[in-house]
Protein backbone atom coordinates (compact mmCIF):
# COMPACT_ATOMS: atom_id res chain seq x y z
CA MET A 1 40.02 119.69 94.04
CA MET A 2 40.69 116.59 91.96
CA LEU A 3 43.78 115.79 89.92
CA ARG A 4 43.50 114.25 86.47
CA TYR A 5 45.94 111.46 85.62
CA LYS A 6 46.71 108.89 82.97
CA VAL A 7 48.70 105.66 83.03
CA VAL A 8 50.63 104.66 79.91
CA ASP A 9 53.07 101.89 79.03
CA VAL A 10 56.32 103.15 77.52
CA PHE A 11 58.86 101.49 75.19
CA THR A 12 56.27 99.06 73.88
CA ASP A 13 53.46 98.90 71.32
CA ARG A 14 51.33 96.51 73.43
CA PRO A 15 49.50 97.32 76.67
CA PHE A 16 50.67 95.68 79.90
CA THR A 17 54.23 95.40 78.67
CA GLY A 18 57.02 97.99 78.68
CA ASN A 19 57.43 100.36 81.62
CA PRO A 20 54.24 101.77 83.17
CA LEU A 21 54.12 105.50 83.88
CA ALA A 22 51.64 107.68 85.75
CA ILE A 23 51.19 111.22 84.39
CA VAL A 24 49.59 113.82 86.67
CA PHE A 25 48.32 116.93 84.89
CA ASP A 26 47.95 120.52 86.13
CA ALA A 27 50.26 119.87 89.08
CA GLY A 28 51.40 123.48 89.54
CA ASP A 29 49.79 123.84 92.97
CA LEU A 30 51.33 120.69 94.44
CA ALA A 31 54.25 120.75 96.85
CA GLY A 32 57.07 118.25 96.45
CA GLU A 33 55.86 116.35 99.50
CA GLN A 34 52.46 115.88 97.88
CA MET A 35 54.03 114.70 94.64
CA GLN A 36 56.09 112.16 96.56
CA ALA A 37 52.94 110.88 98.29
CA ILE A 38 51.21 110.44 94.93
CA ALA A 39 54.23 108.58 93.51
CA ARG A 40 54.14 106.23 96.50
CA GLU A 41 50.43 105.69 95.91
CA PHE A 42 50.91 104.71 92.25
CA ASN A 43 54.00 102.67 93.26
CA LEU A 44 55.29 102.59 89.67
CA SER A 45 58.94 103.06 88.81
CA GLU A 46 58.18 106.72 88.04
CA THR A 47 55.36 109.27 88.17
CA ILE A 48 55.68 112.52 86.21
CA PHE A 49 53.95 115.80 87.11
CA VAL A 50 53.18 118.40 84.43
CA LEU A 51 53.76 122.05 85.40
CA PRO A 52 53.88 125.43 83.65
CA PRO A 53 57.36 126.27 82.30
CA THR A 54 59.52 128.86 84.06
CA VAL A 55 61.63 129.85 81.04
CA PRO A 56 60.43 130.98 77.60
CA GLU A 57 62.48 128.29 75.80
CA ALA A 58 60.49 125.47 77.43
CA THR A 59 57.16 124.07 76.20
CA TYR A 60 56.30 122.65 79.64
CA ARG A 61 58.00 121.74 82.89
CA VAL A 62 57.97 118.43 84.74
CA ARG A 63 58.99 116.92 88.05
CA ILE A 64 59.70 113.19 88.18
CA PHE A 65 59.37 110.98 91.27
CA THR A 66 60.02 107.32 92.01
CA PRO A 67 58.28 105.81 95.05
CA GLY A 68 61.33 106.83 97.08
CA THR A 69 62.85 110.00 95.66
CA GLU A 70 62.78 112.79 93.07
CA LEU A 71 64.90 112.46 89.91
CA PRO A 72 66.34 115.34 87.87
CA PHE A 73 65.64 113.44 84.65
CA ALA A 74 64.39 110.09 83.42
CA GLY A 75 63.86 108.70 79.95
CA HIS A 76 60.64 106.73 80.06
CA PRO A 77 58.66 109.52 81.79
CA SER A 78 59.96 112.04 79.25
CA VAL A 79 58.89 109.86 76.30
CA GLY A 80 55.54 108.90 77.81
CA CYS A 81 54.59 112.41 78.89
CA ALA A 82 55.48 114.05 75.58
CA VAL A 83 53.47 111.58 73.49
CA THR A 84 50.48 111.85 75.84
CA LEU A 85 50.47 115.66 75.85
CA ARG A 86 50.51 115.64 72.05
CA ARG A 87 47.72 113.03 71.83
CA ASP A 88 45.57 115.05 74.21
CA GLY A 89 46.16 118.29 72.28
CA LEU A 90 47.94 119.91 75.22
CA VAL A 91 50.98 120.67 73.08
CA LYS A 92 50.61 121.73 69.45
CA ASP A 93 54.05 121.11 67.99
CA ALA A 94 55.94 117.90 67.27
CA GLU A 95 59.17 119.53 68.47
CA VAL A 96 58.97 120.38 72.17
CA VAL A 97 61.38 121.30 74.96
CA GLN A 98 60.88 119.73 78.39
CA GLU A 99 62.12 121.68 81.38
CA CYS A 100 63.25 119.46 84.25
CA GLY A 101 65.87 119.19 86.97
CA ALA A 102 68.54 118.29 84.39
CA GLY A 103 67.80 121.39 82.30
CA LEU A 104 66.08 121.75 78.93
CA ILE A 105 65.50 118.44 77.10
CA PRO A 106 64.58 118.45 73.37
CA ILE A 107 61.93 115.91 72.37
CA THR A 108 60.59 115.05 68.92
CA ILE A 109 57.09 113.52 68.91
CA ASP A 110 55.77 111.22 66.20
CA GLU A 111 52.03 111.34 66.78
CA VAL A 112 51.24 108.95 63.90
CA HIS A 113 53.30 106.13 65.43
CA GLY A 114 52.76 107.11 69.06
CA SER A 115 56.45 107.51 69.80
CA ALA A 116 59.02 110.15 70.73
CA VAL A 117 62.77 110.71 70.57
CA VAL A 118 64.41 112.26 73.64
CA THR A 119 67.85 113.87 73.47
CA GLY A 120 69.68 113.50 76.77
CA GLY A 121 71.86 115.96 78.61
CA ARG A 122 75.63 116.38 78.38
CA PRO A 123 77.34 112.96 78.36
CA THR A 124 79.57 112.09 81.30
CA VAL A 125 81.88 109.11 81.83
CA GLY A 126 83.97 108.05 84.79
CA PRO A 127 87.12 105.99 85.27
CA ALA A 128 87.31 102.21 85.04
CA LEU A 129 86.00 100.36 88.11
CA ASP A 130 86.75 96.99 89.70
CA GLN A 131 84.20 94.46 88.50
CA ALA A 132 84.57 92.05 91.45
CA PRO A 133 82.37 93.86 94.02
CA LEU A 134 79.72 94.59 91.39
CA LEU A 135 79.58 90.96 90.29
CA ALA A 136 79.32 89.77 93.88
CA ALA A 137 76.55 92.27 94.64
CA VAL A 138 74.31 90.83 91.90
CA GLY A 139 75.09 87.17 92.60
CA LEU A 140 77.55 86.63 89.74
CA ASP A 141 81.26 85.76 89.60
CA GLU A 142 84.31 86.25 87.40
CA ALA A 143 83.28 83.45 85.04
CA ASP A 144 80.25 85.56 84.09
CA TYR A 145 82.26 88.70 83.38
CA VAL A 146 82.91 89.79 79.78
CA GLY A 147 84.27 93.34 79.96
CA PRO A 148 85.35 96.00 79.06
CA ALA A 149 85.71 97.46 82.51
CA PRO A 150 82.68 98.82 84.34
CA ARG A 151 82.34 102.60 84.36
CA ASN A 152 79.84 105.21 85.42
CA ALA A 153 78.34 106.91 82.37
CA GLY A 154 75.26 108.92 81.60
CA ALA A 155 73.47 111.56 79.56
CA GLY A 156 71.49 113.31 82.28
CA LEU A 157 71.50 110.58 84.94
CA PRO A 158 74.58 108.37 85.50
CA PHE A 159 74.56 104.57 85.80
CA THR A 160 77.26 101.97 86.35
CA PHE A 161 77.57 99.57 83.40
CA LEU A 162 78.64 95.96 84.01
CA SER A 163 79.12 93.71 80.96
CA VAL A 164 78.51 89.95 81.43
CA THR A 165 77.47 86.92 79.40
CA ASP A 166 73.93 86.78 78.05
CA ASP A 167 73.12 83.84 80.32
CA ALA A 168 74.37 85.77 83.34
CA VAL A 169 72.01 88.68 82.63
CA GLY A 170 69.10 86.29 83.11
CA ARG A 171 70.61 84.72 86.25
CA LEU A 172 71.55 87.82 88.22
CA ARG A 173 69.89 88.34 91.60
CA PRO A 174 68.75 91.86 92.50
CA GLY A 175 69.78 92.14 96.12
CA GLY A 176 69.66 95.83 96.97
CA LEU A 177 73.44 95.98 97.49
CA VAL A 178 74.14 98.18 94.46
CA ASP A 179 72.18 101.08 92.99
CA ASN A 180 71.88 102.60 89.51
CA VAL A 181 73.56 99.59 87.92
CA SER A 182 72.91 98.38 84.37
CA VAL A 183 73.95 94.76 83.90
CA LEU A 184 74.18 94.01 80.19
CA HIS A 185 75.28 91.72 77.40
CA TRP A 186 76.38 93.47 74.20
CA ASP A 187 75.81 91.78 70.83
CA ALA A 188 78.30 93.60 68.59
CA GLU A 189 76.97 92.11 65.34
CA ARG A 190 73.38 93.16 65.96
CA HIS A 191 74.20 96.39 67.84
CA GLU A 192 71.80 95.17 70.50
CA ALA A 193 72.04 94.86 74.28
CA HIS A 194 70.17 92.58 76.68
CA VAL A 195 69.87 94.70 79.81
CA ARG A 196 68.64 94.65 83.40
CA VAL A 197 68.71 97.84 85.47
CA LEU A 198 68.74 97.82 89.29
CA VAL A 199 67.66 100.97 91.19
CA PRO A 200 66.78 99.87 94.76
CA ASP A 201 67.60 103.22 96.39
CA ALA A 202 64.81 104.80 94.34
CA GLY A 203 62.34 102.30 95.79
CA VAL A 204 62.39 100.09 92.67
CA ALA A 205 64.34 96.85 92.88
CA GLU A 206 64.43 96.45 89.09
CA ASP A 207 63.19 98.65 86.26
CA PRO A 208 61.53 97.09 83.18
CA ALA A 209 62.74 99.82 80.75
CA THR A 210 65.15 102.63 81.56
CA GLY A 211 65.58 105.41 79.02
CA SER A 212 68.24 107.33 80.91
CA ALA A 213 70.35 104.18 81.30
CA ALA A 214 69.80 103.38 77.61
CA MET A 215 71.42 106.68 76.64
CA GLY A 216 74.19 106.17 79.19
CA LEU A 217 74.91 102.80 77.61
CA GLY A 218 75.79 104.54 74.35
CA VAL A 219 78.21 106.79 76.22
CA TRP A 220 79.79 103.71 77.88
CA LEU A 221 79.99 101.85 74.56
CA VAL A 222 81.91 104.72 72.95
CA ALA A 223 84.20 105.13 75.99
CA SER A 224 84.86 101.37 75.94
CA GLY A 225 85.68 101.22 72.23
CA LEU A 226 82.64 99.10 71.38
CA LEU A 227 81.11 101.80 69.18
CA PRO A 228 83.00 104.19 66.87
CA GLY A 229 84.61 107.28 68.35
CA ASP A 230 83.32 109.46 65.50
CA GLY A 231 79.91 109.81 63.88
CA VAL A 232 76.44 108.54 64.76
CA SER A 233 75.90 104.94 65.93
CA ARG A 234 72.51 103.33 66.38
CA TYR A 235 71.69 100.47 68.72
CA GLN A 236 68.73 98.93 70.51
CA ILE A 237 68.07 97.55 73.95
CA ARG A 238 65.85 94.69 75.05
CA GLN A 239 64.88 94.89 78.70
CA GLY A 240 62.15 93.73 81.06
CA SER A 241 61.53 90.19 79.82
CA GLU A 242 62.62 88.74 83.19
CA MET A 243 59.88 90.88 84.78
CA HIS A 244 57.26 89.75 82.21
CA ARG A 245 57.26 93.30 80.79
CA PRO A 246 59.29 93.06 77.56
CA SER A 247 60.49 96.45 76.34
CA LEU A 248 62.32 97.75 73.28
CA LEU A 249 64.38 100.95 73.37
CA THR A 250 65.85 102.40 70.18
CA CYS A 251 68.92 104.57 70.74
CA SER A 252 71.69 106.56 69.12
CA VAL A 253 74.96 108.07 70.26
CA THR A 254 77.00 110.73 68.49
CA ALA A 255 80.75 110.80 69.10
CA THR A 256 83.62 113.09 68.18
CA GLY A 257 87.29 112.39 68.80
CA GLY A 258 86.60 109.26 70.79
CA GLU A 259 84.06 110.86 73.15
CA ALA A 260 80.27 110.81 73.14
CA VAL A 261 78.80 114.28 72.65
CA SER A 262 75.07 113.45 72.60
CA ALA A 263 72.69 110.50 72.96
CA THR A 264 69.05 109.80 72.23
CA VAL A 265 66.43 107.22 73.17
CA SER A 266 63.07 106.59 71.54
CA GLY A 267 60.13 104.28 71.93
CA HIS A 268 56.38 103.81 71.59
CA VAL A 269 53.71 104.72 74.13
CA VAL A 270 50.41 102.87 74.76
CA ALA A 271 47.54 104.36 76.78
CA VAL A 272 46.27 102.06 79.54
CA ALA A 273 44.13 103.96 82.07
CA SER A 274 42.87 107.39 83.07
CA GLY A 275 41.04 108.90 86.00
CA GLU A 276 40.97 111.42 88.83
CA MET A 277 42.45 111.38 92.30
CA ILE A 278 42.15 113.49 95.40
CA VAL A 279 44.94 115.83 96.43
CA PRO A 280 46.99 114.38 99.28
CA PRO A 281 47.22 116.49 102.44
CA PHE A 282 50.22 118.76 102.81
CA VAL A 283 52.14 118.51 106.06
CA GLY A 284 54.49 121.49 106.25
């Protein structure tokens, strides 16, 4: 038996930029251990496996793996997989529902422009954190810190958000001492963030484009008073240039009464490669 796969670049309109993603089709007979072996083989930030849905509300089901672990949800695999399934005629509708570890995720596909909008899960936000250990862990100091206070926030997968000067974003040193951290500089006039995301525990020192963290940023911005506490706010994220993989993520966050209630991320998808691979052995 051979497995069909494709590799696409997500959050970009040019090949060999953005965040690469491997998509493995017809993965219903694979065990989790086999999926993890395939993700290690591709050695990309994430590999997504397409499975039959288990609930009638879902269009398809996925499992998402980094080289080191399985994730309940991730943004760039969700965008890349949805657009690819639509391009290949494997889903018929522009409005689909992805079933994954974080639940049912609505996705709107724009086949003409090769993009998709993903709506994240229920927003969560934690208490203010001390910035000093986070700064030290990424090779920065108090002079680089901008604030507001770091917090954990997310819309399906939480990250810690640390706000620093724009120059400091470029100078930080990924050292493996912190995980799921988004180091950012927020440009309030342009509603744009310069971001680097560190995820060493997942087997990826730095991610070139992180959809789940992009949605979490909107939750953090509302909680920090940097975006309005009511209505819909739109913003964009530039990420990956330090890795020579520039990426652009377009986002929105909806807030009510000072709290984020939903968040979205969207971006383009470019096909790069396709092929077949053998099924890895299962060791039970």
